[in-house]
Amino acid sequence: MIVSCPSCATEYDLPKPVGSDATIMRCGACGHGWIEAHGTDVSDLVAVNADERVAAQGEDDSDARVMAEARKIARAARMAEQKAKAKRERRMAQLRGWAGLAAGICLVLGGMVTFPERIVQAAPATAKIYSLAGKNVNIYGLAISGVEQQYMIVGGQPVLALRGQISNITGEDQRVPPLRFILMDAEGRELHAWTLNSAGKGPIGAGVASAFVTRLAAPPEGVDSVEIRFAKPGELG
């Protein structure tokens, strides 16, 4: 007997039924489940005697059992369909969760690439991540340039004078933090360091440069180079 799936019309060759008048089916193409009732012969009604009525009653009981079995099969099919649907919904929820996580990661990475200065300002610890990636992030938006050093004798005492300028390389006003000056020898060892707290008396406008000057009396001998940078929190005072 050829039967078709009610959902996708896929045809199946159903063997000749034995016993029950209905068979639970599940489509291998779309997964739809249904109950396939078997055909029965129908004849004209005729008068029956008492014995025939008893036999008919027995047939009715048999039909009731078949229907009860069919209902049981139908409930099982519905439960199986509900479980499959719940499983599909859980899978879709998991996929949406992973997609949201991937989008969030892409957004964070995009922000780190596009706005590194603001990222480091909000989370200073990320500066190490940028440093490992070979990128030094200027969190202040300021550049130190035009540095000059001069040795002079004032009152018979040697004095080292350092001059330069701080430029605002951003499009908005920037506050100037204290400057740190470090004298080093030829091997890169620190000989002396100090902080200039009054490097700027106020914010520097966009594209504007501000000059600084600092002097050190009796500088140590063996000075080979000078490092100038913005002071860290522990270097203030």
C-alpha atoms as a PDB file:
ATOM      1  CA  MET A   1       0.000   0.000   0.000  1.00  0.00           C
ATOM      2  CA  ILE A   2       1.394   3.397  -1.054  1.00  0.00           C
ATOM      3  CA  VAL A   3       0.976   6.207   1.491  1.00  0.00           C
ATOM      4  CA  SER A   4       2.098   9.869   1.374  1.00  0.00           C
ATOM      5  CA  CYS A   5       3.403  12.197   4.080  1.00  0.00           C
ATOM      6  CA  PRO A   6       0.725  14.858   4.788  1.00  0.00           C
ATOM      7  CA  SER A   7       3.473  17.453   5.259  1.00  0.00           C
ATOM      8  CA  CYS A   8       5.855  17.025   2.302  1.00  0.00           C
ATOM      9  CA  ALA A   9       4.040  14.405   0.124  1.00  0.00           C
ATOM     10  CA  THR A  10       6.946  11.930   0.250  1.00  0.00           C
ATOM     11  CA  GLU A  11       5.553   8.515  -0.677  1.00  0.00           C
ATOM     12  CA  TYR A  12       6.197   5.255   1.202  1.00  0.00           C
ATOM     13  CA  ASP A  13       5.335   1.648   0.394  1.00  0.00           C
ATOM     14  CA  LEU A  14       3.512   0.423   3.536  1.00  0.00           C
ATOM     15  CA  PRO A  15       3.471  -3.370   3.960  1.00  0.00           C
ATOM     16  CA  LYS A  16       0.128  -5.091   4.347  1.00  0.00           C
ATOM     17  CA  PRO A  17      -1.049  -4.365   7.932  1.00  0.00           C
ATOM     18  CA  VAL A  18      -1.372  -7.159  10.454  1.00  0.00           C
ATOM     19  CA  GLY A  19      -3.487  -6.786  13.593  1.00  0.00           C
ATOM     20  CA  SER A  20      -4.087  -3.066  14.195  1.00  0.00           C
ATOM     21  CA  ASP A  21      -6.180  -0.941  11.853  1.00  0.00           C
ATOM     22  CA  ALA A  22      -3.773   2.015  12.197  1.00  0.00           C
ATOM     23  CA  THR A  23       0.000   2.505  11.976  1.00  0.00           C
ATOM     24  CA  ILE A  24       2.062   5.359  13.413  1.00  0.00           C
ATOM     25  CA  MET A  25       4.255   6.869  10.709  1.00  0.00           C
ATOM     26  CA  ARG A  26       7.196   9.306  10.759  1.00  0.00           C
ATOM     27  CA  CYS A  27       8.510  10.858   7.578  1.00  0.00           C
ATOM     28  CA  GLY A  28      12.214  10.325   6.990  1.00  0.00           C
ATOM     29  CA  ALA A  29      12.373  13.453   4.818  1.00  0.00           C
ATOM     30  CA  CYS A  30      10.785  16.107   7.041  1.00  0.00           C
ATOM     31  CA  GLY A  31      10.311  14.334  10.400  1.00  0.00           C
ATOM     32  CA  HIS A  32       6.500  14.791  10.440  1.00  0.00           C
ATOM     33  CA  GLY A  33       4.549  12.137  12.366  1.00  0.00           C
ATOM     34  CA  TRP A  34       1.008  10.944  11.680  1.00  0.00           C
ATOM     35  CA  ILE A  35      -1.324   7.957  12.066  1.00  0.00           C
ATOM     36  CA  GLU A  36      -2.088   6.040   8.873  1.00  0.00           C
ATOM     37  CA  ALA A  37      -5.461   4.261   9.004  1.00  0.00           C
ATOM     38  CA  HIS A  38      -5.794   1.029   7.016  1.00  0.00           C
ATOM     39  CA  GLY A  39      -8.603   0.560   4.522  1.00  0.00           C
ATOM     40  CA  THR A  40     -11.532  -1.719   5.462  1.00  0.00           C
ATOM     41  CA  ASP A  41     -14.275  -3.300   3.384  1.00  0.00           C
ATOM     42  CA  VAL A  42     -17.766  -1.817   3.683  1.00  0.00           C
ATOM     43  CA  SER A  43     -20.924  -3.757   2.891  1.00  0.00           C
ATOM     44  CA  ASP A  44     -24.637  -2.945   2.954  1.00  0.00           C
ATOM     45  CA  LEU A  45     -26.486  -3.180   6.245  1.00  0.00           C
ATOM     46  CA  VAL A  46     -28.722  -6.223   6.668  1.00  0.00           C
ATOM     47  CA  ALA A  47     -30.911  -7.486   9.455  1.00  0.00           C
ATOM     48  CA  VAL A  48     -29.105  -9.600  12.010  1.00  0.00           C
ATOM     49  CA  ASN A  49     -30.272 -11.955  14.693  1.00  0.00           C
ATOM     50  CA  ALA A  50     -29.259 -12.035  18.368  1.00  0.00           C
ATOM     51  CA  ASP A  51     -26.160 -14.151  17.759  1.00  0.00           C
ATOM     52  CA  GLU A  52     -25.021 -11.784  15.061  1.00  0.00           C
ATOM     53  CA  ARG A  53     -25.601  -8.817  17.412  1.00  0.00           C
ATOM     54  CA  VAL A  54     -23.369 -10.462  20.029  1.00  0.00           C
ATOM     55  CA  ALA A  55     -20.710 -10.956  17.385  1.00  0.00           C
ATOM     56  CA  ALA A  56     -21.116  -7.338  16.312  1.00  0.00           C
ATOM     57  CA  GLN A  57     -20.743  -6.250  19.943  1.00  0.00           C
ATOM     58  CA  GLY A  58     -17.470  -8.130  20.065  1.00  0.00           C
ATOM     59  CA  GLU A  59     -16.366  -6.368  16.927  1.00  0.00           C
ATOM     60  CA  ASP A  60     -17.306  -3.031  18.521  1.00  0.00           C
ATOM     61  CA  ASP A  61     -15.140  -3.873  21.524  1.00  0.00           C
ATOM     62  CA  SER A  62     -12.312  -4.713  19.159  1.00  0.00           C
ATOM     63  CA  ASP A  63     -12.807  -1.384  17.375  1.00  0.00           C
ATOM     64  CA  ALA A  64     -12.762   0.424  20.735  1.00  0.00           C
ATOM     65  CA  ARG A  65      -9.469  -1.231  21.581  1.00  0.00           C
ATOM     66  CA  VAL A  66      -8.085  -0.217  18.198  1.00  0.00           C
ATOM     67  CA  MET A  67      -9.209   3.365  18.723  1.00  0.00           C
ATOM     68  CA  ALA A  68      -7.712   3.421  22.218  1.00  0.00           C
ATOM     69  CA  GLU A  69      -4.455   2.154  20.772  1.00  0.00           C
ATOM     70  CA  ALA A  70      -4.636   4.758  18.022  1.00  0.00           C
ATOM     71  CA  ARG A  71      -5.167   7.533  20.564  1.00  0.00           C
ATOM     72  CA  LYS A  72      -2.214   6.217  22.565  1.00  0.00           C
ATOM     73  CA  ILE A  73      -0.070   6.227  19.446  1.00  0.00           C
ATOM     74  CA  ALA A  74      -1.268   9.744  18.607  1.00  0.00           C
ATOM     75  CA  ARG A  75      -0.304  11.002  22.080  1.00  0.00           C
ATOM     76  CA  ALA A  76       3.126   9.400  21.717  1.00  0.00           C
ATOM     77  CA  ALA A  77       3.540  11.071  18.321  1.00  0.00           C
ATOM     78  CA  ARG A  78       2.573  14.468  19.738  1.00  0.00           C
ATOM     79  CA  MET A  79       4.989  14.085  22.636  1.00  0.00           C
ATOM     80  CA  ALA A  80       7.778  13.091  20.249  1.00  0.00           C
ATOM     81  CA  GLU A  81       7.014  16.120  18.076  1.00  0.00           C
ATOM     82  CA  GLN A  82       6.992  18.443  21.107  1.00  0.00           C
ATOM     83  CA  LYS A  83      10.344  17.075  22.287  1.00  0.00           C
ATOM     84  CA  ALA A  84      11.846  17.553  18.830  1.00  0.00           C
ATOM     85  CA  LYS A  85      10.502  21.115  18.702  1.00  0.00           C
ATOM     86  CA  ALA A  86      11.906  21.916  22.160  1.00  0.00           C
ATOM     87  CA  LYS A  87      15.273  20.522  21.112  1.00  0.00           C
ATOM     88  CA  ARG A  88      15.284  22.688  17.973  1.00  0.00           C
ATOM     89  CA  GLU A  89      14.397  25.778  20.025  1.00  0.00           C
ATOM     90  CA  ARG A  90      17.214  25.078  22.507  1.00  0.00           C
ATOM     91  CA  ARG A  91      19.646  24.673  19.635  1.00  0.00           C
ATOM     92  CA  MET A  92      18.534  27.960  18.085  1.00  0.00           C
ATOM     93  CA  ALA A  93      18.838  29.735  21.458  1.00  0.00           C
ATOM     94  CA  GLN A  94      22.380  28.423  21.837  1.00  0.00           C
ATOM     95  CA  LEU A  95      23.256  29.577  18.319  1.00  0.00           C
ATOM     96  CA  ARG A  96      21.834  33.036  19.030  1.00  0.00           C
ATOM     97  CA  GLY A  97      23.851  33.184  22.270  1.00  0.00           C
ATOM     98  CA  TRP A  98      27.095  32.299  20.490  1.00  0.00           C
ATOM     99  CA  ALA A  99      26.308  34.787  17.723  1.00  0.00           C
ATOM    100  CA  GLY A 100      25.744  37.531  20.318  1.00  0.00           C
ATOM    101  CA  LEU A 101      29.006  36.673  22.053  1.00  0.00           C
ATOM    102  CA  ALA A 102      30.905  36.767  18.757  1.00  0.00           C
ATOM    103  CA  ALA A 103      29.351  40.137  17.903  1.00  0.00           C
ATOM    104  CA  GLY A 104      30.320  41.516  21.328  1.00  0.00           C
ATOM    105  CA  ILE A 105      33.907  40.335  20.920  1.00  0.00           C
ATOM    106  CA  CYS A 106      34.098  41.900  17.455  1.00  0.00           C
ATOM    107  CA  LEU A 107      32.723  45.152  18.844  1.00  0.00           C
ATOM    108  CA  VAL A 108      35.321  45.231  21.638  1.00  0.00           C
ATOM    109  CA  LEU A 109      38.172  44.394  19.267  1.00  0.00           C
ATOM    110  CA  GLY A 110      36.957  47.047  16.835  1.00  0.00           C
ATOM    111  CA  GLY A 111      36.924  49.632  19.614  1.00  0.00           C
ATOM    112  CA  MET A 112      40.433  48.660  20.703  1.00  0.00           C
ATOM    113  CA  VAL A 113      41.710  49.149  17.159  1.00  0.00           C
ATOM    114  CA  THR A 114      39.772  52.363  16.433  1.00  0.00           C
ATOM    115  CA  PHE A 115      40.035  54.145  19.801  1.00  0.00           C
ATOM    116  CA  PRO A 116      43.182  52.846  21.574  1.00  0.00           C
ATOM    117  CA  GLU A 117      43.751  56.067  23.516  1.00  0.00           C
ATOM    118  CA  ARG A 118      40.270  56.067  25.034  1.00  0.00           C
ATOM    119  CA  ILE A 119      40.501  52.368  25.813  1.00  0.00           C
ATOM    120  CA  VAL A 120      43.758  52.860  27.735  1.00  0.00           C
ATOM    121  CA  GLN A 121      42.373  55.928  29.517  1.00  0.00           C
ATOM    122  CA  ALA A 122      39.377  53.917  30.706  1.00  0.00           C
ATOM    123  CA  ALA A 123      41.442  50.811  31.542  1.00  0.00           C
ATOM    124  CA  PRO A 124      45.161  51.651  32.008  1.00  0.00           C
ATOM    125  CA  ALA A 125      46.037  47.968  32.324  1.00  0.00           C
ATOM    126  CA  THR A 126      45.309  47.518  28.602  1.00  0.00           C
ATOM    127  CA  ALA A 127      48.412  49.570  27.804  1.00  0.00           C
ATOM    128  CA  LYS A 128      50.445  46.406  28.404  1.00  0.00           C
ATOM    129  CA  ILE A 129      48.351  44.569  25.808  1.00  0.00           C
ATOM    130  CA  TYR A 130      49.046  47.274  23.244  1.00  0.00           C
ATOM    131  CA  SER A 131      52.715  47.243  24.188  1.00  0.00           C
ATOM    132  CA  LEU A 132      52.919  43.484  23.577  1.00  0.00           C
ATOM    133  CA  ALA A 133      51.356  44.105  20.180  1.00  0.00           C
ATOM    134  CA  GLY A 134      54.107  46.622  19.400  1.00  0.00           C
ATOM    135  CA  LYS A 135      51.900  49.703  19.711  1.00  0.00           C
ATOM    136  CA  ASN A 136      52.642  52.511  22.164  1.00  0.00           C
ATOM    137  CA  VAL A 137      49.431  54.330  22.980  1.00  0.00           C
ATOM    138  CA  ASN A 138      49.594  58.047  23.718  1.00  0.00           C
ATOM    139  CA  ILE A 139      46.853  58.332  26.337  1.00  0.00           C
ATOM    140  CA  TYR A 140      47.446  62.045  26.901  1.00  0.00           C
ATOM    141  CA  GLY A 141      47.171  63.181  23.294  1.00  0.00           C
ATOM    142  CA  LEU A 142      50.348  65.235  23.800  1.00  0.00           C
ATOM    143  CA  ALA A 143      53.753  65.087  22.126  1.00  0.00           C
ATOM    144  CA  ILE A 144      57.104  66.241  23.511  1.00  0.00           C
ATOM    145  CA  SER A 145      59.432  67.782  20.917  1.00  0.00           C
ATOM    146  CA  GLY A 146      62.173  70.361  20.299  1.00  0.00           C
ATOM    147  CA  VAL A 147      64.156  69.313  23.391  1.00  0.00           C
ATOM    148  CA  GLU A 148      67.426  71.226  23.946  1.00  0.00           C
ATOM    149  CA  GLN A 149      69.954  70.878  26.749  1.00  0.00           C
ATOM    150  CA  GLN A 150      72.502  73.465  27.862  1.00  0.00           C
ATOM    151  CA  TYR A 151      75.234  73.448  30.485  1.00  0.00           C
ATOM    152  CA  MET A 152      76.081  76.787  32.094  1.00  0.00           C
ATOM    153  CA  ILE A 153      77.909  78.140  35.137  1.00  0.00           C
ATOM    154  CA  VAL A 154      75.797  80.191  37.535  1.00  0.00           C
ATOM    155  CA  GLY A 155      77.540  81.662  40.576  1.00  0.00           C
ATOM    156  CA  GLY A 156      80.464  79.333  40.023  1.00  0.00           C
ATOM    157  CA  GLN A 157      78.202  76.250  40.046  1.00  0.00           C
ATOM    158  CA  PRO A 158      77.376  74.074  36.981  1.00  0.00           C
ATOM    159  CA  VAL A 159      73.724  74.090  35.942  1.00  0.00           C
ATOM    160  CA  LEU A 160      71.948  71.863  33.392  1.00  0.00           C
ATOM    161  CA  ALA A 161      69.037  73.531  31.582  1.00  0.00           C
ATOM    162  CA  LEU A 162      66.478  71.553  29.542  1.00  0.00           C
ATOM    163  CA  ARG A 163      64.009  73.231  27.191  1.00  0.00           C
ATOM    164  CA  GLY A 164      61.321  71.895  24.875  1.00  0.00           C
ATOM    165  CA  GLN A 165      57.679  72.091  23.993  1.00  0.00           C
ATOM    166  CA  ILE A 166      54.513  70.061  24.515  1.00  0.00           C
ATOM    167  CA  SER A 167      52.097  69.926  21.581  1.00  0.00           C
ATOM    168  CA  ASN A 168      48.435  68.961  21.642  1.00  0.00           C
ATOM    169  CA  ILE A 169      48.012  66.517  18.740  1.00  0.00           C
ATOM    170  CA  THR A 170      44.276  65.938  19.267  1.00  0.00           C
ATOM    171  CA  GLY A 171      41.199  67.874  18.250  1.00  0.00           C
ATOM    172  CA  GLU A 172      40.203  68.961  21.762  1.00  0.00           C
ATOM    173  CA  ASP A 173      41.737  70.635  24.823  1.00  0.00           C
ATOM    174  CA  GLN A 174      44.146  68.461  26.812  1.00  0.00           C
ATOM    175  CA  ARG A 175      45.435  68.802  30.370  1.00  0.00           C
ATOM    176  CA  VAL A 176      49.228  68.675  30.698  1.00  0.00           C
ATOM    177  CA  PRO A 177      50.424  66.178  33.342  1.00  0.00           C
ATOM    178  CA  PRO A 178      53.724  66.576  35.228  1.00  0.00           C
ATOM    179  CA  LEU A 179      56.920  65.837  33.315  1.00  0.00           C
ATOM    180  CA  ARG A 180      59.577  63.362  34.434  1.00  0.00           C
ATOM    181  CA  PHE A 181      63.268  64.001  33.622  1.00  0.00           C
ATOM    182  CA  ILE A 182      65.765  61.130  33.915  1.00  0.00           C
ATOM    183  CA  LEU A 183      69.534  61.460  33.444  1.00  0.00           C
ATOM    184  CA  MET A 184      71.261  58.248  32.323  1.00  0.00           C
ATOM    185  CA  ASP A 185      74.819  57.166  31.661  1.00  0.00           C
ATOM    186  CA  ALA A 186      76.166  55.475  28.538  1.00  0.00           C
ATOM    187  CA  GLU A 187      74.953  52.062  29.751  1.00  0.00           C
ATOM    188  CA  GLY A 188      71.397  53.269  30.304  1.00  0.00           C
ATOM    189  CA  ARG A 189      71.587  53.381  34.099  1.00  0.00           C
ATOM    190  CA  GLU A 190      69.662  56.100  35.896  1.00  0.00           C
ATOM    191  CA  LEU A 191      71.891  58.711  37.514  1.00  0.00           C
ATOM    192  CA  HIS A 192      69.313  61.235  38.652  1.00  0.00           C
ATOM    193  CA  ALA A 193      65.600  61.974  38.121  1.00  0.00           C
ATOM    194  CA  TRP A 194      63.140  64.714  39.045  1.00  0.00           C
ATOM    195  CA  THR A 195      59.574  65.794  38.269  1.00  0.00           C
ATOM    196  CA  LEU A 196      58.407  69.137  36.925  1.00  0.00           C
ATOM    197  CA  ASN A 197      54.947  69.708  38.374  1.00  0.00           C
ATOM    198  CA  SER A 198      54.333  73.046  36.666  1.00  0.00           C
ATOM    199  CA  ALA A 199      54.879  71.900  33.089  1.00  0.00           C
ATOM    200  CA  GLY A 200      51.541  73.424  32.153  1.00  0.00           C
ATOM    201  CA  LYS A 201      49.333  75.839  34.082  1.00  0.00           C
ATOM    202  CA  GLY A 202      46.188  74.903  32.213  1.00  0.00           C
ATOM    203  CA  PRO A 203      44.804  72.838  29.335  1.00  0.00           C
ATOM    204  CA  ILE A 204      46.424  73.161  25.930  1.00  0.00           C
ATOM    205  CA  GLY A 205      44.092  73.865  23.040  1.00  0.00           C
ATOM    206  CA  ALA A 206      43.803  71.649  19.992  1.00  0.00           C
ATOM    207  CA  GLY A 207      46.907  71.951  17.802  1.00  0.00           C
ATOM    208  CA  VAL A 208      48.607  74.346  20.275  1.00  0.00           C
ATOM    209  CA  ALA A 209      52.147  73.945  21.684  1.00  0.00           C
ATOM    210  CA  SER A 210      53.341  75.052  25.138  1.00  0.00           C
ATOM    211  CA  ALA A 211      57.014  75.545  26.072  1.00  0.00           C
ATOM    212  CA  PHE A 212      58.667  74.162  29.196  1.00  0.00           C
ATOM    213  CA  VAL A 213      62.045  74.747  30.857  1.00  0.00           C
ATOM    214  CA  THR A 214      63.691  73.133  33.872  1.00  0.00           C
ATOM    215  CA  ARG A 215      67.115  73.534  35.476  1.00  0.00           C
ATOM    216  CA  LEU A 216      69.201  71.212  37.639  1.00  0.00           C
ATOM    217  CA  ALA A 217      72.076  72.571  39.725  1.00  0.00           C
ATOM    218  CA  ALA A 218      75.208  70.451  40.100  1.00  0.00           C
ATOM    219  CA  PRO A 219      74.167  67.637  37.734  1.00  0.00           C
ATOM    220  CA  PRO A 220      75.973  64.311  38.241  1.00  0.00           C
ATOM    221  CA  GLU A 221      78.984  63.409  36.135  1.00  0.00           C
ATOM    222  CA  GLY A 222      78.789  60.870  33.341  1.00  0.00           C
ATOM    223  CA  VAL A 223      75.459  62.005  31.913  1.00  0.00           C
ATOM    224  CA  ASP A 224      75.097  60.545  28.418  1.00  0.00           C
ATOM    225  CA  SER A 225      71.377  60.984  27.654  1.00  0.00           C
ATOM    226  CA  VAL A 226      68.168  62.450  29.025  1.00  0.00           C
ATOM    227  CA  GLU A 227      64.772  60.763  29.001  1.00  0.00           C
ATOM    228  CA  ILE A 228      61.720  63.026  29.174  1.00  0.00           C
ATOM    229  CA  ARG A 229      58.241  61.568  29.599  1.00  0.00           C
ATOM    230  CA  PHE A 230      55.032  62.143  31.495  1.00  0.00           C
ATOM    231  CA  ALA A 231      55.277  61.183  35.153  1.00  0.00           C
ATOM    232  CA  LYS A 232      53.573  58.111  36.581  1.00  0.00           C
ATOM    233  CA  PRO A 233      51.359  58.351  39.689  1.00  0.00           C
ATOM    234  CA  GLY A 234      54.110  57.068  42.000  1.00  0.00           C
ATOM    235  CA  GLU A 235      56.575  59.650  40.716  1.00  0.00           C
ATOM    236  CA  LEU A 236      54.613  62.733  41.722  1.00  0.00           C
ATOM    237  CA  GLY A 237      55.583  64.884  44.664  1.00  0.00           C
END
